[in-house]
Amino acid sequence: MRKLLVFLLATLLIGSIFLAGCSNKEGASGKTSDKVTLNVALWDENVSEVVDKSIDLFKEKHPEVEVKVTYTPFADYWTKLKTSLAGGSGPDIFWMNGPNFHQYASSGLIKDIQPLIDADSLDTSVYTPALVDLYTYEGRLYGLPYFLDSIGLFYNKKMFDDAGIPYPDDTWDWAKVEEVGAKLTDKEKGIYGYIASSANQAGYYNLIHQAGGFIISEDKTKSGFASAEAQSALKWTKDLMDKGISPSAQAQIETKVNQIFGSGKAAMLPNISVNVPVLHEMLGDDLGVAVLPKGKEQASIVHGLSWGMNAKTKHEELAWELQKVLAGEDAGKWMAESGFSIPAYKGTEGAWLESIPSLDLKVFIDSLEFGVPYPVSKNTAEWQDVEVKEIQDALLGKKTFEDATKKIATEMDEILAKESEK
């Protein structure tokens, strides 16, 4: 009797364990009853409506998955992201930018999605080539491009009309900028003809490529700052400041260039496409845009964000499905409709082009034909710290461009050499 009782108790125990295991793993539908949560991280709440639409689309096929979105201010975003990923946690899907990409990819913090792309035969040619290049590491894609920025020439139509000068067009070069800029400059009234931007992305990065130079070699081993081309671009910027055609570097430190231009104190400003809404709000229909004037050749820096995946995500299959939706065609159309920025998914930019009827926003799309990827390496921030300080000192007249660019190139080459050793 005692043996029978022990047997029955053992049988009941095994059965209860089996049933408990089944209840934890599958529900009546055969799907997981323990709800999966995917965490998404980014920094700009201005795209929340677009992101929410994409998540709703994902949940149509995966209603059992909860998607939690966290917005962290940019100033804190990277510290929080890197710390959490390095600790083995962190979001499943997150925003990635160019300056940080190589460090995350080389450190194994972001997943190599090339095997997933290959398994799905995903066509990555639908994305802007410059961004595909930007988020490729050692020949493998690590992020799906989301939206992009290119650089154009903003101008004040009223100032051109009052002076009887035709608007900028695609025939313009540096000489034309200087010629017209001088005519539109009124030193007594504090009016500048052109703002020679002291910023890198909107300013001298473009000029160096237009002069036939480069910021960083394609193999990420050499700086281009010490070249004659780079120095000619930087000196042209300083010349415009010295002639009073452009506000000085000090003036640009004291007052943001958007404020100078938007308040009617400058006729022309090279700037990033994401500034279209704010500059239109400031100038209204007096705002115009054109392609960047060329130097020896045409060039426009292209940057943009991608969606990356946590290398240690516990839900790779579902995270991959969400990543594809967030960077998909529908998401591109919604991004365009929002007016926030140019979607990276080619052919979905129509609504963005029509978002401000008075502006020919197609110039930013046309600029992609001669777009140059934003320059990055594993330790972009390290050599950019040197670059920004030295260029700023030279523009402020504290040292020569020869000395500044020589120091940048020397220290940048050393940083790049250490990167290649690892």
Protein backbone atom coordinates (compact mmCIF):
# COMPACT_ATOMS: atom_id res chain seq x y z
CA MET A 1 0.00 0.00 0.00
CA ARG A 2 2.81 2.36 0.91
CA LYS A 3 4.61 1.66 -2.39
CA LEU A 4 1.38 2.31 -4.31
CA LEU A 5 0.92 5.65 -2.51
CA VAL A 6 4.49 6.69 -3.28
CA PHE A 7 3.98 5.73 -6.93
CA LEU A 8 0.76 7.76 -7.19
CA LEU A 9 2.34 10.80 -5.58
CA ALA A 10 5.33 10.59 -7.90
CA THR A 11 3.04 10.30 -10.92
CA LEU A 12 1.02 13.33 -9.82
CA LEU A 13 4.20 15.34 -9.23
CA ILE A 14 5.62 14.51 -12.66
CA GLY A 15 2.28 15.31 -14.27
CA SER A 16 2.00 18.66 -12.52
CA ILE A 17 5.55 19.60 -13.56
CA PHE A 18 4.76 18.68 -17.18
CA LEU A 19 1.51 20.67 -17.17
CA ALA A 20 3.23 23.64 -15.54
CA GLY A 21 5.92 23.50 -18.21
CA CYS A 22 3.30 23.42 -20.94
CA SER A 23 1.36 26.31 -19.42
CA ASN A 24 4.56 28.42 -19.29
CA LYS A 25 5.42 27.69 -22.90
CA GLU A 26 2.21 27.49 -24.90
CA GLY A 27 -1.34 28.74 -24.68
CA ALA A 28 -4.42 27.51 -26.51
CA SER A 29 -3.23 29.11 -29.74
CA GLY A 30 0.07 27.27 -29.62
CA LYS A 31 1.89 30.58 -29.04
CA THR A 32 3.89 31.75 -26.05
CA SER A 33 1.61 32.78 -23.20
CA ASP A 34 4.45 34.56 -21.38
CA LYS A 35 4.27 37.87 -23.21
CA VAL A 36 7.49 38.88 -24.97
CA THR A 37 8.57 42.50 -24.54
CA LEU A 38 10.80 44.20 -27.10
CA ASN A 39 12.48 47.41 -25.99
CA VAL A 40 13.16 50.21 -28.46
CA ALA A 41 15.41 53.20 -27.70
CA LEU A 42 15.84 56.55 -29.46
CA TRP A 43 16.27 60.20 -28.53
CA ASP A 44 13.84 62.38 -30.49
CA GLU A 45 10.17 62.40 -29.49
CA ASN A 46 9.35 64.40 -32.62
CA VAL A 47 9.17 61.09 -34.49
CA SER A 48 6.99 59.36 -31.89
CA GLU A 49 3.93 59.31 -34.13
CA VAL A 50 5.86 57.72 -36.98
CA VAL A 51 7.44 55.13 -34.67
CA ASP A 52 4.08 54.32 -33.09
CA LYS A 53 2.52 53.69 -36.52
CA SER A 54 5.33 51.28 -37.38
CA ILE A 55 4.91 49.43 -34.10
CA ASP A 56 1.16 49.13 -34.70
CA LEU A 57 1.93 47.62 -38.10
CA PHE A 58 4.32 45.13 -36.50
CA LYS A 59 1.74 44.16 -33.87
CA GLU A 60 -0.83 43.30 -36.53
CA LYS A 61 1.24 40.17 -37.16
CA HIS A 62 2.58 39.84 -33.62
CA PRO A 63 -0.21 40.83 -31.20
CA GLU A 64 1.41 38.72 -28.49
CA VAL A 65 4.48 41.02 -28.40
CA GLU A 66 4.63 44.13 -26.27
CA VAL A 67 6.86 46.90 -27.63
CA LYS A 68 8.13 49.47 -25.15
CA VAL A 69 9.68 52.68 -26.50
CA THR A 70 12.04 54.81 -24.40
CA TYR A 71 13.08 58.32 -25.41
CA THR A 72 16.30 59.51 -23.80
CA PRO A 73 17.69 63.03 -24.39
CA PHE A 74 20.66 62.98 -26.78
CA ALA A 75 23.01 64.30 -24.07
CA ASP A 76 22.42 61.15 -22.02
CA TYR A 77 21.52 58.68 -24.76
CA TRP A 78 24.94 57.29 -25.64
CA THR A 79 26.18 56.84 -22.07
CA LYS A 80 22.98 55.03 -21.12
CA LEU A 81 22.97 52.89 -24.26
CA LYS A 82 26.61 51.83 -24.10
CA THR A 83 26.47 51.04 -20.38
CA SER A 84 23.35 48.89 -20.73
CA LEU A 85 24.57 47.01 -23.82
CA ALA A 86 27.99 46.34 -22.30
CA GLY A 87 26.23 45.00 -19.20
CA GLY A 88 24.35 42.42 -21.24
CA SER A 89 20.98 44.17 -21.14
CA GLY A 90 19.84 47.25 -23.03
CA PRO A 91 17.18 47.74 -25.70
CA ASP A 92 16.55 45.17 -28.42
CA ILE A 93 16.37 47.80 -31.17
CA PHE A 94 17.88 51.28 -31.04
CA TRP A 95 18.93 54.34 -33.03
CA MET A 96 22.53 54.42 -34.22
CA ASN A 97 24.41 57.34 -35.79
CA GLY A 98 27.57 57.50 -37.86
CA PRO A 99 30.08 58.88 -35.34
CA ASN A 100 29.36 56.05 -32.88
CA PHE A 101 28.74 53.20 -35.29
CA HIS A 102 32.22 51.75 -35.78
CA GLN A 103 32.92 51.69 -32.07
CA TYR A 104 29.71 49.77 -31.37
CA ALA A 105 30.24 47.37 -34.28
CA SER A 106 33.89 46.64 -33.45
CA SER A 107 33.04 46.16 -29.77
CA GLY A 108 30.35 43.59 -30.50
CA LEU A 109 27.57 45.72 -29.00
CA ILE A 110 25.49 45.83 -32.18
CA LYS A 111 24.46 42.72 -34.09
CA ASP A 112 25.83 41.83 -37.49
CA ILE A 113 22.54 41.52 -39.39
CA GLN A 114 24.10 40.38 -42.65
CA PRO A 115 23.15 36.71 -42.02
CA LEU A 116 19.54 37.77 -41.40
CA ILE A 117 19.58 39.91 -44.55
CA ASP A 118 20.95 37.01 -46.58
CA ALA A 119 18.48 34.50 -45.13
CA ASP A 120 15.55 36.77 -46.05
CA SER A 121 17.07 37.87 -49.37
CA LEU A 122 16.37 41.41 -48.19
CA ASP A 123 17.04 43.97 -50.93
CA THR A 124 19.22 46.64 -49.35
CA SER A 125 19.46 48.57 -52.62
CA VAL A 126 16.19 50.25 -51.62
CA TYR A 127 18.20 52.35 -49.18
CA THR A 128 20.34 55.40 -49.99
CA PRO A 129 23.79 53.99 -50.94
CA ALA A 130 25.73 56.50 -48.81
CA LEU A 131 23.92 55.26 -45.70
CA VAL A 132 24.41 51.61 -46.59
CA ASP A 133 28.13 52.39 -46.84
CA LEU A 134 28.04 54.32 -43.57
CA TYR A 135 26.57 51.41 -41.61
CA THR A 136 28.70 48.70 -43.18
CA TYR A 137 31.57 47.32 -41.10
CA GLU A 138 34.14 44.92 -42.58
CA GLY A 139 31.88 44.32 -45.56
CA ARG A 140 28.78 43.48 -43.52
CA LEU A 141 25.71 45.60 -42.81
CA TYR A 142 24.96 46.27 -39.14
CA GLY A 143 22.02 48.68 -39.39
CA LEU A 144 18.97 49.33 -41.56
CA PRO A 145 18.94 53.00 -42.66
CA TYR A 146 16.00 55.07 -41.40
CA PHE A 147 16.29 58.71 -42.46
CA LEU A 148 18.99 60.95 -43.88
CA ASP A 149 20.32 64.47 -44.05
CA SER A 150 22.05 66.11 -46.98
CA ILE A 151 23.40 69.64 -47.30
CA GLY A 152 21.95 72.43 -49.40
CA LEU A 153 22.28 76.20 -49.82
CA PHE A 154 19.50 78.11 -48.05
CA TYR A 155 18.94 81.67 -49.24
CA ASN A 156 16.72 84.66 -48.52
CA LYS A 157 14.62 85.39 -51.62
CA LYS A 158 13.69 88.89 -50.50
CA MET A 159 17.32 89.95 -50.15
CA PHE A 160 18.05 88.67 -53.67
CA ASP A 161 14.89 90.32 -55.07
CA ASP A 162 15.68 93.66 -53.43
CA ALA A 163 19.18 93.57 -54.96
CA GLY A 164 17.88 92.44 -58.36
CA ILE A 165 20.12 89.37 -58.30
CA PRO A 166 18.97 85.99 -59.73
CA TYR A 167 18.61 83.16 -57.22
CA PRO A 168 21.40 80.56 -56.80
CA ASP A 169 21.22 77.55 -59.11
CA ASP A 170 23.23 74.46 -59.99
CA THR A 171 25.73 76.46 -62.07
CA TRP A 172 27.10 78.24 -59.01
CA ASP A 173 30.63 77.69 -57.76
CA TRP A 174 32.80 79.17 -55.00
CA ALA A 175 33.69 82.18 -57.12
CA LYS A 176 30.01 82.96 -57.69
CA VAL A 177 29.31 82.70 -53.96
CA GLU A 178 32.04 85.20 -53.23
CA GLU A 179 30.97 87.55 -56.04
CA VAL A 180 27.28 87.63 -55.09
CA GLY A 181 28.01 87.44 -51.39
CA ALA A 182 30.05 90.64 -51.63
CA LYS A 183 27.19 92.42 -53.41
CA LEU A 184 24.67 91.39 -50.76
CA THR A 185 26.90 92.37 -47.85
CA ASP A 186 26.08 95.63 -46.07
CA LYS A 187 28.59 96.15 -43.28
CA GLU A 188 26.91 99.31 -41.98
CA LYS A 189 23.64 97.45 -41.40
CA GLY A 190 25.36 94.30 -40.18
CA ILE A 191 24.14 92.26 -43.16
CA TYR A 192 26.26 89.38 -44.45
CA GLY A 193 26.08 88.01 -47.97
CA TYR A 194 26.97 84.48 -46.95
CA ILE A 195 27.65 82.46 -43.80
CA ALA A 196 30.86 80.45 -44.21
CA SER A 197 29.91 77.86 -41.61
CA SER A 198 32.57 76.95 -39.06
CA ALA A 199 30.76 73.63 -38.44
CA ASN A 200 32.11 70.44 -40.00
CA GLN A 201 29.03 68.62 -41.35
CA ALA A 202 27.34 71.70 -42.78
CA GLY A 203 30.58 73.50 -43.62
CA TYR A 204 34.17 72.48 -44.25
CA TYR A 205 33.59 68.70 -44.70
CA ASN A 206 31.69 69.55 -47.91
CA LEU A 207 34.28 72.10 -49.03
CA ILE A 208 37.22 69.71 -48.58
CA HIS A 209 35.55 67.12 -50.81
CA GLN A 210 34.54 69.84 -53.30
CA ALA A 211 38.19 70.85 -53.47
CA GLY A 212 39.08 67.26 -54.44
CA GLY A 213 40.28 66.19 -51.00
CA PHE A 214 38.97 63.84 -48.32
CA ILE A 215 38.52 63.73 -44.56
CA ILE A 216 39.43 60.10 -44.03
CA SER A 217 40.65 57.54 -46.56
CA GLU A 218 38.25 54.80 -47.68
CA ASP A 219 40.23 52.15 -45.80
CA LYS A 220 40.07 54.25 -42.60
CA THR A 221 43.86 54.42 -42.24
CA LYS A 222 44.78 57.99 -43.24
CA SER A 223 43.70 61.55 -42.54
CA GLY A 224 43.23 63.96 -45.44
CA PHE A 225 43.51 67.16 -43.42
CA ALA A 226 47.14 67.94 -44.26
CA SER A 227 46.46 67.92 -48.02
CA ALA A 228 46.62 71.06 -50.15
CA GLU A 229 42.96 70.52 -51.05
CA ALA A 230 41.85 70.56 -47.41
CA GLN A 231 43.87 73.68 -46.66
CA SER A 232 42.46 75.51 -49.69
CA ALA A 233 38.90 74.79 -48.53
CA LEU A 234 39.59 75.98 -45.00
CA LYS A 235 41.42 79.10 -46.18
CA TRP A 236 38.49 79.99 -48.47
CA THR A 237 36.21 79.85 -45.44
CA LYS A 238 38.53 82.16 -43.47
CA ASP A 239 38.91 84.54 -46.43
CA LEU A 240 35.14 85.11 -46.55
CA MET A 241 35.18 85.88 -42.84
CA ASP A 242 38.15 88.23 -43.16
CA LYS A 243 36.47 90.11 -46.02
CA GLY A 244 33.33 90.61 -43.96
CA ILE A 245 31.20 88.65 -46.42
CA SER A 246 30.61 86.09 -43.67
CA PRO A 247 30.27 86.47 -39.89
CA SER A 248 33.48 85.53 -38.13
CA ALA A 249 34.02 82.28 -36.25
CA GLN A 250 33.67 84.24 -33.00
CA ALA A 251 30.34 85.71 -34.15
CA GLN A 252 29.12 82.19 -34.96
CA ILE A 253 30.07 81.05 -31.47
CA GLU A 254 28.14 83.94 -29.92
CA THR A 255 25.04 83.60 -32.14
CA LYS A 256 23.83 80.40 -33.81
CA VAL A 257 23.97 80.51 -37.61
CA ASN A 258 20.26 79.67 -37.90
CA GLN A 259 19.48 82.72 -35.80
CA ILE A 260 21.74 84.98 -37.88
CA PHE A 261 20.19 83.75 -41.13
CA GLY A 262 16.62 83.42 -39.87
CA SER A 263 16.61 86.97 -38.52
CA GLY A 264 17.42 88.38 -41.96
CA LYS A 265 21.05 89.19 -41.17
CA ALA A 266 22.53 86.95 -43.89
CA ALA A 267 21.53 86.18 -47.46
CA MET A 268 22.91 82.62 -47.79
CA LEU A 269 23.61 79.70 -45.47
CA PRO A 270 24.82 76.16 -46.26
CA ASN A 271 23.02 73.87 -43.85
CA ILE A 272 21.54 70.45 -43.16
CA SER A 273 18.18 69.44 -44.65
CA VAL A 274 16.72 68.75 -41.20
CA ASN A 275 16.76 72.53 -40.65
CA VAL A 276 14.14 73.12 -43.35
CA PRO A 277 11.11 73.32 -41.00
CA VAL A 278 12.70 75.67 -38.46
CA LEU A 279 14.15 78.01 -41.12
CA HIS A 280 10.84 78.10 -42.98
CA GLU A 281 9.10 78.97 -39.74
CA MET A 282 11.50 81.90 -39.34
CA LEU A 283 11.44 83.23 -42.93
CA GLY A 284 8.24 81.84 -44.42
CA ASP A 285 7.97 82.08 -48.20
CA ASP A 286 11.10 84.26 -48.34
CA LEU A 287 13.13 81.07 -47.85
CA GLY A 288 14.70 79.36 -50.85
CA VAL A 289 17.01 76.37 -51.28
CA ALA A 290 19.51 75.34 -53.94
CA VAL A 291 22.19 72.70 -54.38
CA LEU A 292 25.55 73.48 -52.79
CA PRO A 293 27.85 75.52 -55.05
CA LYS A 294 30.72 73.41 -56.31
CA GLY A 295 34.48 73.75 -56.10
CA LYS A 296 36.59 71.62 -58.43
CA GLU A 297 33.75 69.10 -58.15
CA GLN A 298 30.34 68.69 -56.56
CA ALA A 299 29.98 67.09 -53.15
CA SER A 300 27.50 67.06 -50.30
CA ILE A 301 27.96 65.24 -46.99
CA VAL A 302 25.25 62.66 -46.32
CA HIS A 303 24.50 61.51 -42.82
CA GLY A 304 21.50 59.78 -41.31
CA LEU A 305 20.38 57.31 -38.70
CA SER A 306 19.85 53.58 -38.80
CA TRP A 307 18.04 51.04 -36.64
CA GLY A 308 20.51 48.70 -34.92
CA MET A 309 19.92 45.47 -33.00
CA ASN A 310 21.34 44.49 -29.64
CA ALA A 311 23.99 41.83 -30.21
CA LYS A 312 22.70 39.99 -27.12
CA THR A 313 18.96 40.29 -27.71
CA LYS A 314 17.05 37.29 -26.37
CA HIS A 315 14.44 37.62 -29.11
CA GLU A 316 16.45 37.83 -32.32
CA GLU A 317 13.70 36.61 -34.67
CA LEU A 318 11.07 39.02 -33.35
CA ALA A 319 13.58 41.87 -33.05
CA TRP A 320 14.55 41.34 -36.68
CA GLU A 321 10.90 41.46 -37.77
CA LEU A 322 10.44 44.72 -35.86
CA GLN A 323 13.66 46.19 -37.24
CA LYS A 324 12.51 45.53 -40.80
CA VAL A 325 9.16 47.21 -40.18
CA LEU A 326 10.74 50.25 -38.52
CA ALA A 327 13.01 50.70 -41.55
CA GLY A 328 10.47 49.55 -44.13
CA GLU A 329 8.64 51.23 -46.98
CA ASP A 330 5.58 52.19 -44.92
CA ALA A 331 7.81 53.71 -42.25
CA GLY A 332 9.54 55.71 -44.98
CA LYS A 333 6.25 57.11 -46.24
CA TRP A 334 5.15 58.05 -42.73
CA MET A 335 8.49 59.73 -42.10
CA ALA A 336 8.05 61.77 -45.28
CA GLU A 337 4.49 62.74 -44.33
CA SER A 338 5.68 63.91 -40.91
CA GLY A 339 8.06 66.40 -42.56
CA PHE A 340 10.71 65.51 -39.97
CA SER A 341 13.41 64.35 -42.39
CA ILE A 342 14.13 62.60 -45.68
CA PRO A 343 13.41 58.86 -45.45
CA ALA A 344 16.31 56.60 -46.35
CA TYR A 345 13.99 54.20 -48.18
CA LYS A 346 14.25 55.37 -51.79
CA GLY A 347 11.02 56.38 -53.49
CA THR A 348 9.12 57.20 -50.30
CA GLU A 349 10.19 60.84 -50.07
CA GLY A 350 7.24 62.23 -52.07
CA ALA A 351 5.28 63.64 -49.13
CA TRP A 352 8.42 65.27 -47.70
CA LEU A 353 9.10 66.98 -51.02
CA GLU A 354 5.59 68.44 -50.93
CA SER A 355 5.62 69.29 -47.21
CA ILE A 356 6.50 72.95 -47.92
CA PRO A 357 5.11 73.86 -51.35
CA SER A 358 7.06 77.12 -51.63
CA LEU A 359 10.41 75.26 -51.46
CA ASP A 360 12.08 73.14 -54.10
CA LEU A 361 13.11 70.43 -51.64
CA LYS A 362 14.09 68.14 -54.50
CA VAL A 363 17.53 69.79 -54.41
CA PHE A 364 18.33 67.70 -51.32
CA ILE A 365 17.37 64.49 -53.14
CA ASP A 366 19.33 65.55 -56.24
CA SER A 367 22.36 66.14 -54.00
CA LEU A 368 22.45 62.43 -53.15
CA GLU A 369 23.83 61.81 -56.65
CA PHE A 370 27.11 63.35 -55.50
CA GLY A 371 26.66 62.53 -51.82
CA VAL A 372 29.66 61.61 -49.70
CA PRO A 373 29.16 59.52 -46.53
CA TYR A 374 29.81 61.32 -43.26
CA PRO A 375 33.43 60.45 -42.28
CA VAL A 376 33.72 57.88 -39.49
CA SER A 377 36.08 55.31 -37.97
CA LYS A 378 36.09 53.26 -34.75
CA ASN A 379 37.11 56.25 -32.62
CA THR A 380 35.52 59.10 -34.56
CA ALA A 381 34.87 61.17 -31.45
CA GLU A 382 38.53 60.96 -30.43
CA TRP A 383 39.96 62.46 -33.60
CA GLN A 384 37.03 64.84 -34.05
CA ASP A 385 37.84 66.39 -30.68
CA VAL A 386 41.28 67.25 -32.05
CA GLU A 387 39.87 68.35 -35.40
CA VAL A 388 37.20 70.69 -34.06
CA LYS A 389 39.56 72.41 -31.62
CA GLU A 390 42.34 72.94 -34.17
CA ILE A 391 40.02 74.17 -36.94
CA GLN A 392 38.29 76.51 -34.53
CA ASP A 393 41.63 77.93 -33.36
CA ALA A 394 42.71 78.52 -36.96
CA LEU A 395 39.41 80.19 -37.87
CA LEU A 396 39.76 82.41 -34.79
CA GLY A 397 43.24 83.40 -35.99
CA LYS A 398 45.08 81.76 -33.10
CA LYS A 399 47.24 79.65 -35.42
CA THR A 400 47.87 79.00 -39.10
CA PHE A 401 45.94 76.42 -41.05
CA GLU A 402 49.23 74.73 -41.90
CA ASP A 403 49.95 74.16 -38.21
CA ALA A 404 46.36 73.23 -37.38
CA THR A 405 45.91 70.70 -40.17
CA LYS A 406 49.36 69.21 -39.59
CA LYS A 407 48.48 68.55 -35.95
CA ILE A 408 45.09 67.09 -36.89
CA ALA A 409 46.62 64.78 -39.48
CA THR A 410 49.40 63.61 -37.16
CA GLU A 411 47.12 62.82 -34.23
CA MET A 412 44.38 61.42 -36.45
CA ASP A 413 46.83 59.07 -38.20
CA GLU A 414 48.05 57.86 -34.83
CA ILE A 415 44.49 57.15 -33.70
CA LEU A 416 43.69 55.34 -36.95
CA ALA A 417 46.89 53.29 -36.70
CA LYS A 418 45.89 52.10 -33.22
CA GLU A 419 42.44 51.19 -34.56
CA SER A 420 43.92 48.95 -37.24
CA GLU A 421 46.10 47.14 -34.69
CA LYS A 422 43.10 45.96 -32.68
